[in-house]
């Protein structure tokens, strides 16, 4: 019985993704810009990309060393 609840919960979470992140439809009534207005300018991600890569490598090294000590 517990497996059925887990399956229903997993199915709900996976299928609700479509509804949660759905884009609004076109506003064809002739006026306004819709619910959200105009889109903001995109944010560049390349300024901190090297720092993110270094932190990822450090995290992987920490995880491997931690698991090696436990084994």
PDB file of N, CA and C in Angstrom:
ATOM      1  N   UNK A   1       0.825  -1.194   0.000  1.00  0.00           N
ATOM      2  CA  UNK A   1       0.000   0.000   0.000  1.00  0.00           C
ATOM      3  C   UNK A   1       0.865   1.252   0.000  1.00  0.00           C
ATOM      4  N   UNK A   2       1.988   1.215   0.746  1.00  0.00           N
ATOM      5  CA  UNK A   2       2.867   2.373   0.805  1.00  0.00           C
ATOM      6  C   UNK A   2       3.497   2.644  -0.551  1.00  0.00           C
ATOM      7  N   UNK A   3       3.769   1.589  -1.305  1.00  0.00           N
ATOM      8  CA  UNK A   3       4.359   1.773  -2.623  1.00  0.00           C
ATOM      9  C   UNK A   3       3.415   2.497  -3.567  1.00  0.00           C
ATOM     10  N   UNK A   4       2.117   2.236  -3.416  1.00  0.00           N
ATOM     11  CA  UNK A   4       1.130   2.918  -4.261  1.00  0.00           C
ATOM     12  C   UNK A   4       1.113   4.405  -3.954  1.00  0.00           C
ATOM     13  N   UNK A   5       1.191   4.775  -2.679  1.00  0.00           N
ATOM     14  CA  UNK A   5       1.224   6.189  -2.306  1.00  0.00           C
ATOM     15  C   UNK A   5       2.493   6.866  -2.833  1.00  0.00           C
ATOM     16  N   UNK A   6       3.605   6.156  -2.748  1.00  0.00           N
ATOM     17  CA  UNK A   6       4.850   6.704  -3.275  1.00  0.00           C
ATOM     18  C   UNK A   6       4.773   6.895  -4.785  1.00  0.00           C
ATOM     19  N   UNK A   7       4.173   5.928  -5.466  1.00  0.00           N
ATOM     20  CA  UNK A   7       4.024   6.023  -6.916  1.00  0.00           C
ATOM     21  C   UNK A   7       3.111   7.190  -7.292  1.00  0.00           C
ATOM     22  N   UNK A   8       2.015   7.363  -6.568  1.00  0.00           N
ATOM     23  CA  UNK A   8       1.106   8.481  -6.839  1.00  0.00           C
ATOM     24  C   UNK A   8       1.789   9.811  -6.570  1.00  0.00           C
ATOM     25  N   UNK A   9       2.550   9.905  -5.500  1.00  0.00           N
ATOM     26  CA  UNK A   9       3.258  11.141  -5.181  1.00  0.00           C
ATOM     27  C   UNK A   9       4.304  11.454  -6.246  1.00  0.00           C
ATOM     28  N   UNK A  10       5.065  10.456  -6.660  1.00  0.00           N
ATOM     29  CA  UNK A  10       6.071  10.651  -7.700  1.00  0.00           C
ATOM     30  C   UNK A  10       5.420  11.072  -9.011  1.00  0.00           C
ATOM     31  N   UNK A  11       4.329  10.433  -9.374  1.00  0.00           N
ATOM     32  CA  UNK A  11       3.620  10.794 -10.600  1.00  0.00           C
ATOM     33  C   UNK A  11       3.084  12.212 -10.521  1.00  0.00           C
ATOM     34  N   UNK A  12       2.539  12.595  -9.385  1.00  0.00           N
ATOM     35  CA  UNK A  12       2.030  13.959  -9.221  1.00  0.00           C
ATOM     36  C   UNK A  12       3.142  14.985  -9.349  1.00  0.00           C
ATOM     37  N   UNK A  13       4.277  14.721  -8.716  1.00  0.00           N
ATOM     38  CA  UNK A  13       5.392  15.671  -8.762  1.00  0.00           C
ATOM     39  C   UNK A  13       5.926  15.803 -10.181  1.00  0.00           C
ATOM     40  N   UNK A  14       6.067  14.687 -10.877  1.00  0.00           N
ATOM     41  CA  UNK A  14       6.601  14.740 -12.235  1.00  0.00           C
ATOM     42  C   UNK A  14       5.632  15.397 -13.211  1.00  0.00           C
ATOM     43  N   UNK A  15       4.343  15.133 -13.065  1.00  0.00           N
ATOM     44  CA  UNK A  15       3.375  15.694 -14.000  1.00  0.00           C
ATOM     45  C   UNK A  15       2.976  17.121 -13.647  1.00  0.00           C
ATOM     46  N   UNK A  16       3.120  17.520 -12.389  1.00  0.00           N
ATOM     47  CA  UNK A  16       2.790  18.902 -12.037  1.00  0.00           C
ATOM     48  C   UNK A  16       3.839  19.868 -12.569  1.00  0.00           C
ATOM     49  N   UNK A  17       4.989  19.366 -12.935  1.00  0.00           N
ATOM     50  CA  UNK A  17       6.037  20.199 -13.492  1.00  0.00           C
ATOM     51  C   UNK A  17       5.543  20.921 -14.746  1.00  0.00           C
ATOM     52  N   UNK A  18       4.732  20.267 -15.548  1.00  0.00           N
ATOM     53  CA  UNK A  18       4.219  20.885 -16.765  1.00  0.00           C
ATOM     54  C   UNK A  18       3.301  22.057 -16.446  1.00  0.00           C
ATOM     55  N   UNK A  19       2.474  21.923 -15.438  1.00  0.00           N
ATOM     56  CA  UNK A  19       1.533  22.983 -15.093  1.00  0.00           C
ATOM     57  C   UNK A  19       2.208  24.123 -14.344  1.00  0.00           C
ATOM     58  N   UNK A  20       3.183  23.824 -13.526  1.00  0.00           N
ATOM     59  CA  UNK A  20       3.840  24.847 -12.712  1.00  0.00           C
ATOM     60  C   UNK A  20       4.671  25.776 -13.575  1.00  0.00           C
ATOM     61  N   UNK A  21       5.360  25.243 -14.565  1.00  0.00           N
ATOM     62  CA  UNK A  21       6.246  26.048 -15.385  1.00  0.00           C
ATOM     63  C   UNK A  21       5.663  26.363 -16.759  1.00  0.00           C
ATOM     64  N   UNK A  22       4.357  26.293 -16.905  1.00  0.00           N
ATOM     65  CA  UNK A  22       3.719  26.578 -18.188  1.00  0.00           C
ATOM     66  C   UNK A  22       3.801  28.067 -18.489  1.00  0.00           C
ATOM     67  N   UNK A  23       3.978  28.392 -19.744  1.00  0.00           N
ATOM     68  CA  UNK A  23       4.023  29.778 -20.188  1.00  0.00           C
ATOM     69  C   UNK A  23       2.596  30.282 -20.374  1.00  0.00           C
ATOM     70  N   UNK A  24       2.356  31.555 -20.085  1.00  0.00           N
ATOM     71  CA  UNK A  24       1.009  32.095 -20.300  1.00  0.00           C
ATOM     72  C   UNK A  24       0.693  32.166 -21.789  1.00  0.00           C
ATOM     73  N   UNK A  25      -0.576  32.098 -22.099  1.00  0.00           N
ATOM     74  CA  UNK A  25      -1.002  32.162 -23.491  1.00  0.00           C
ATOM     75  C   UNK A  25      -0.888  33.569 -24.051  1.00  0.00           C
ATOM     76  N   UNK A  26      -1.120  33.690 -25.356  1.00  0.00           N
ATOM     77  CA  UNK A  26      -1.076  34.989 -26.011  1.00  0.00           C
ATOM     78  C   UNK A  26      -2.285  35.816 -25.612  1.00  0.00           C
ATOM     79  N   UNK A  27      -2.064  37.097 -25.470  1.00  0.00           N
ATOM     80  CA  UNK A  27      -3.146  38.006 -25.126  1.00  0.00           C
ATOM     81  C   UNK A  27      -3.623  38.667 -26.413  1.00  0.00           C
ATOM     82  N   UNK A  28      -4.712  38.154 -26.989  1.00  0.00           N
ATOM     83  CA  UNK A  28      -5.203  38.633 -28.280  1.00  0.00           C
ATOM     84  C   UNK A  28      -6.319  39.651 -28.140  1.00  0.00           C
ATOM     85  N   UNK A  29      -6.513  40.235 -26.950  1.00  0.00           N
ATOM     86  CA  UNK A  29      -7.611  41.182 -26.802  1.00  0.00           C
ATOM     87  C   UNK A  29      -7.232  42.580 -27.287  1.00  0.00           C
ATOM     88  N   UNK A  30      -6.022  42.765 -27.770  1.00  0.00           N
ATOM     89  CA  UNK A  30      -5.657  44.027 -28.397  1.00  0.00           C
ATOM     90  C   UNK A  30      -4.977  45.026 -27.486  1.00  0.00           C
ATOM     91  N   UNK A  31      -4.908  44.794 -26.205  1.00  0.00           N
ATOM     92  CA  UNK A  31      -4.284  45.774 -25.337  1.00  0.00           C
ATOM     93  C   UNK A  31      -3.527  45.131 -24.207  1.00  0.00           C
ATOM     94  N   UNK A  32      -2.593  45.859 -23.649  1.00  0.00           N
ATOM     95  CA  UNK A  32      -1.843  45.357 -22.507  1.00  0.00           C
ATOM     96  C   UNK A  32      -0.718  44.432 -22.923  1.00  0.00           C
ATOM     97  N   UNK A  33       0.062  44.046 -21.962  1.00  0.00           N
ATOM     98  CA  UNK A  33       1.188  43.159 -22.243  1.00  0.00           C
ATOM     99  C   UNK A  33       1.037  41.826 -21.534  1.00  0.00           C
ATOM    100  N   UNK A  34      -0.140  41.513 -21.047  1.00  0.00           N
ATOM    101  CA  UNK A  34      -0.347  40.238 -20.381  1.00  0.00           C
ATOM    102  C   UNK A  34      -0.173  40.369 -18.881  1.00  0.00           C
ATOM    103  N   UNK A  35      -0.075  39.254 -18.224  1.00  0.00           N
ATOM    104  CA  UNK A  35       0.004  39.237 -16.773  1.00  0.00           C
ATOM    105  C   UNK A  35       1.360  39.693 -16.250  1.00  0.00           C
ATOM    106  N   UNK A  36       2.427  39.349 -16.935  1.00  0.00           N
ATOM    107  CA  UNK A  36       3.747  39.581 -16.404  1.00  0.00           C
ATOM    108  C   UNK A  36       4.440  40.818 -16.944  1.00  0.00           C
ATOM    109  N   UNK A  37       3.886  41.482 -17.891  1.00  0.00           N
ATOM    110  CA  UNK A  37       4.534  42.648 -18.461  1.00  0.00           C
ATOM    111  C   UNK A  37       5.679  42.240 -19.372  1.00  0.00           C
ATOM    112  N   UNK A  38       6.610  43.143 -19.576  1.00  0.00           N
ATOM    113  CA  UNK A  38       7.723  42.840 -20.462  1.00  0.00           C
ATOM    114  C   UNK A  38       8.791  42.039 -19.709  1.00  0.00           C
ATOM    115  N   UNK A  39       9.571  41.283 -20.453  1.00  0.00           N
ATOM    116  CA  UNK A  39      10.622  40.465 -19.852  1.00  0.00           C
ATOM    117  C   UNK A  39      11.792  41.339 -19.416  1.00  0.00           C
ATOM    118  N   UNK A  40      12.410  41.021 -18.285  1.00  0.00           N
ATOM    119  CA  UNK A  40      13.601  41.774 -17.870  1.00  0.00           C
ATOM    120  C   UNK A  40      14.802  41.404 -18.729  1.00  0.00           C
ATOM    121  N   UNK A  41      15.829  42.232 -18.670  1.00  0.00           N
ATOM    122  CA  UNK A  41      17.038  41.948 -19.427  1.00  0.00           C
ATOM    123  C   UNK A  41      17.703  40.685 -18.885  1.00  0.00           C
ATOM    124  N   UNK A  42      18.268  39.859 -19.763  1.00  0.00           N
ATOM    125  CA  UNK A  42      18.912  38.630 -19.283  1.00  0.00           C
ATOM    126  C   UNK A  42      20.142  38.942 -18.440  1.00  0.00           C
ATOM    127  N   UNK A  43      20.416  38.092 -17.477  1.00  0.00           N
ATOM    128  CA  UNK A  43      21.546  38.264 -16.578  1.00  0.00           C
ATOM    129  C   UNK A  43      22.708  37.411 -17.056  1.00  0.00           C
ATOM    130  N   UNK A  44      23.890  37.989 -17.211  1.00  0.00           N
ATOM    131  CA  UNK A  44      25.028  37.178 -17.651  1.00  0.00           C
ATOM    132  C   UNK A  44      25.496  36.240 -16.538  1.00  0.00           C
ATOM    133  N   UNK A  45      25.868  35.023 -16.910  1.00  0.00           N
ATOM    134  CA  UNK A  45      26.321  34.054 -15.911  1.00  0.00           C
ATOM    135  C   UNK A  45      27.802  33.762 -16.039  1.00  0.00           C
ATOM    136  N   UNK A  46      28.460  34.347 -17.023  1.00  0.00           N
ATOM    137  CA  UNK A  46      29.852  33.993 -17.266  1.00  0.00           C
ATOM    138  C   UNK A  46      30.826  34.655 -16.303  1.00  0.00           C
ATOM    139  N   UNK A  47      30.407  35.617 -15.508  1.00  0.00           N
ATOM    140  CA  UNK A  47      31.341  36.311 -14.630  1.00  0.00           C
ATOM    141  C   UNK A  47      31.774  35.445 -13.448  1.00  0.00           C
ATOM    142  N   UNK A  48      30.953  34.547 -12.980  1.00  0.00           N
ATOM    143  CA  UNK A  48      31.277  33.701 -11.823  1.00  0.00           C
ATOM    144  C   UNK A  48      31.380  32.226 -12.199  1.00  0.00           C
ATOM    145  N   UNK A  49      31.487  31.920 -13.471  1.00  0.00           N
ATOM    146  CA  UNK A  49      31.503  30.535 -13.914  1.00  0.00           C
ATOM    147  C   UNK A  49      32.767  29.803 -13.477  1.00  0.00           C
ATOM    148  N   UNK A  50      33.917  30.460 -13.501  1.00  0.00           N
ATOM    149  CA  UNK A  50      35.167  29.842 -13.074  1.00  0.00           C
ATOM    150  C   UNK A  50      35.105  29.521 -11.580  1.00  0.00           C
ATOM    151  N   UNK A  51      34.599  30.459 -10.788  1.00  0.00           N
ATOM    152  CA  UNK A  51      34.464  30.231  -9.348  1.00  0.00           C
ATOM    153  C   UNK A  51      33.529  29.057  -9.070  1.00  0.00           C
ATOM    154  N   UNK A  52      32.449  28.965  -9.815  1.00  0.00           N
ATOM    155  CA  UNK A  52      31.515  27.848  -9.648  1.00  0.00           C
ATOM    156  C   UNK A  52      32.178  26.522  -9.988  1.00  0.00           C
ATOM    157  N   UNK A  53      32.980  26.473 -11.045  1.00  0.00           N
ATOM    158  CA  UNK A  53      33.674  25.246 -11.423  1.00  0.00           C
ATOM    159  C   UNK A  53      34.688  24.833 -10.353  1.00  0.00           C
ATOM    160  N   UNK A  54      35.429  25.806  -9.812  1.00  0.00           N
ATOM    161  CA  UNK A  54      36.403  25.505  -8.764  1.00  0.00           C
ATOM    162  C   UNK A  54      35.704  24.974  -7.523  1.00  0.00           C
ATOM    163  N   UNK A  55      34.604  25.592  -7.132  1.00  0.00           N
ATOM    164  CA  UNK A  55      33.860  25.126  -5.958  1.00  0.00           C
ATOM    165  C   UNK A  55      33.299  23.719  -6.190  1.00  0.00           C
ATOM    166  N   UNK A  56      32.896  23.407  -7.405  1.00  0.00           N
ATOM    167  CA  UNK A  56      32.410  22.070  -7.727  1.00  0.00           C
ATOM    168  C   UNK A  56      33.498  21.027  -7.595  1.00  0.00           C
ATOM    169  N   UNK A  57      34.692  21.361  -8.079  1.00  0.00           N
ATOM    170  CA  UNK A  57      35.820  20.435  -7.976  1.00  0.00           C
ATOM    171  C   UNK A  57      36.200  20.222  -6.516  1.00  0.00           C
ATOM    172  N   UNK A  58      36.219  21.291  -5.732  1.00  0.00           N
ATOM    173  CA  UNK A  58      36.543  21.168  -4.303  1.00  0.00           C
ATOM    174  C   UNK A  58      35.502  20.302  -3.598  1.00  0.00           C
ATOM    175  N   UNK A  59      34.245  20.469  -3.928  1.00  0.00           N
ATOM    176  CA  UNK A  59      33.192  19.660  -3.318  1.00  0.00           C
ATOM    177  C   UNK A  59      33.348  18.186  -3.661  1.00  0.00           C
ATOM    178  N   UNK A  60      33.676  17.882  -4.911  1.00  0.00           N
ATOM    179  CA  UNK A  60      33.867  16.489  -5.324  1.00  0.00           C
ATOM    180  C   UNK A  60      35.054  15.876  -4.589  1.00  0.00           C
ATOM    181  N   UNK A  61      36.157  16.627  -4.476  1.00  0.00           N
ATOM    182  CA  UNK A  61      37.321  16.115  -3.758  1.00  0.00           C
ATOM    183  C   UNK A  61      36.975  15.861  -2.285  1.00  0.00           C
ATOM    184  N   UNK A  62      36.252  16.774  -1.660  1.00  0.00           N
ATOM    185  CA  UNK A  62      35.844  16.603  -0.261  1.00  0.00           C
ATOM    186  C   UNK A  62      34.967  15.365  -0.096  1.00  0.00           C
ATOM    187  N   UNK A  63      34.023  15.175  -1.001  1.00  0.00           N
ATOM    188  CA  UNK A  63      33.118  14.030  -0.917  1.00  0.00           C
ATOM    189  C   UNK A  63      33.874  12.716  -1.087  1.00  0.00           C
ATOM    190  N   UNK A  64      34.791  12.666  -2.056  1.00  0.00           N
ATOM    191  CA  UNK A  64      35.560  11.436  -2.258  1.00  0.00           C
ATOM    192  C   UNK A  64      36.432  11.121  -1.049  1.00  0.00           C
ATOM    193  N   UNK A  65      37.076  12.118  -0.484  1.00  0.00           N
ATOM    194  CA  UNK A  65      37.929  11.885   0.689  1.00  0.00           C
ATOM    195  C   UNK A  65      37.103  11.448   1.893  1.00  0.00           C
ATOM    196  N   UNK A  66      35.926  12.034   2.050  1.00  0.00           N
ATOM    197  CA  UNK A  66      35.056  11.656   3.169  1.00  0.00           C
ATOM    198  C   UNK A  66      34.593  10.204   3.024  1.00  0.00           C
ATOM    199  N   UNK A  67      34.203   9.810   1.819  1.00  0.00           N
ATOM    200  CA  UNK A  67      33.740   8.444   1.595  1.00  0.00           C
ATOM    201  C   UNK A  67      34.894   7.444   1.686  1.00  0.00           C
ATOM    202  N   UNK A  68      36.097   7.856   1.320  1.00  0.00           N
ATOM    203  CA  UNK A  68      37.260   6.981   1.389  1.00  0.00           C
ATOM    204  C   UNK A  68      37.614   6.678   2.849  1.00  0.00           C
ATOM    205  N   UNK A  69      37.479   7.672   3.739  1.00  0.00           N
ATOM    206  CA  UNK A  69      37.776   7.468   5.148  1.00  0.00           C
ATOM    207  C   UNK A  69      36.750   6.551   5.809  1.00  0.00           C
ATOM    208  N   UNK A  70      35.494   6.616   5.378  1.00  0.00           N
ATOM    209  CA  UNK A  70      34.442   5.795   5.974  1.00  0.00           C
ATOM    210  C   UNK A  70      34.569   4.331   5.567  1.00  0.00           C
ATOM    211  N   UNK A  71      35.089   4.075   4.378  1.00  0.00           N
ATOM    212  CA  UNK A  71      35.152   2.701   3.863  1.00  0.00           C
ATOM    213  C   UNK A  71      36.262   1.892   4.459  1.00  0.00           C
TER     214      UNK A  71
END
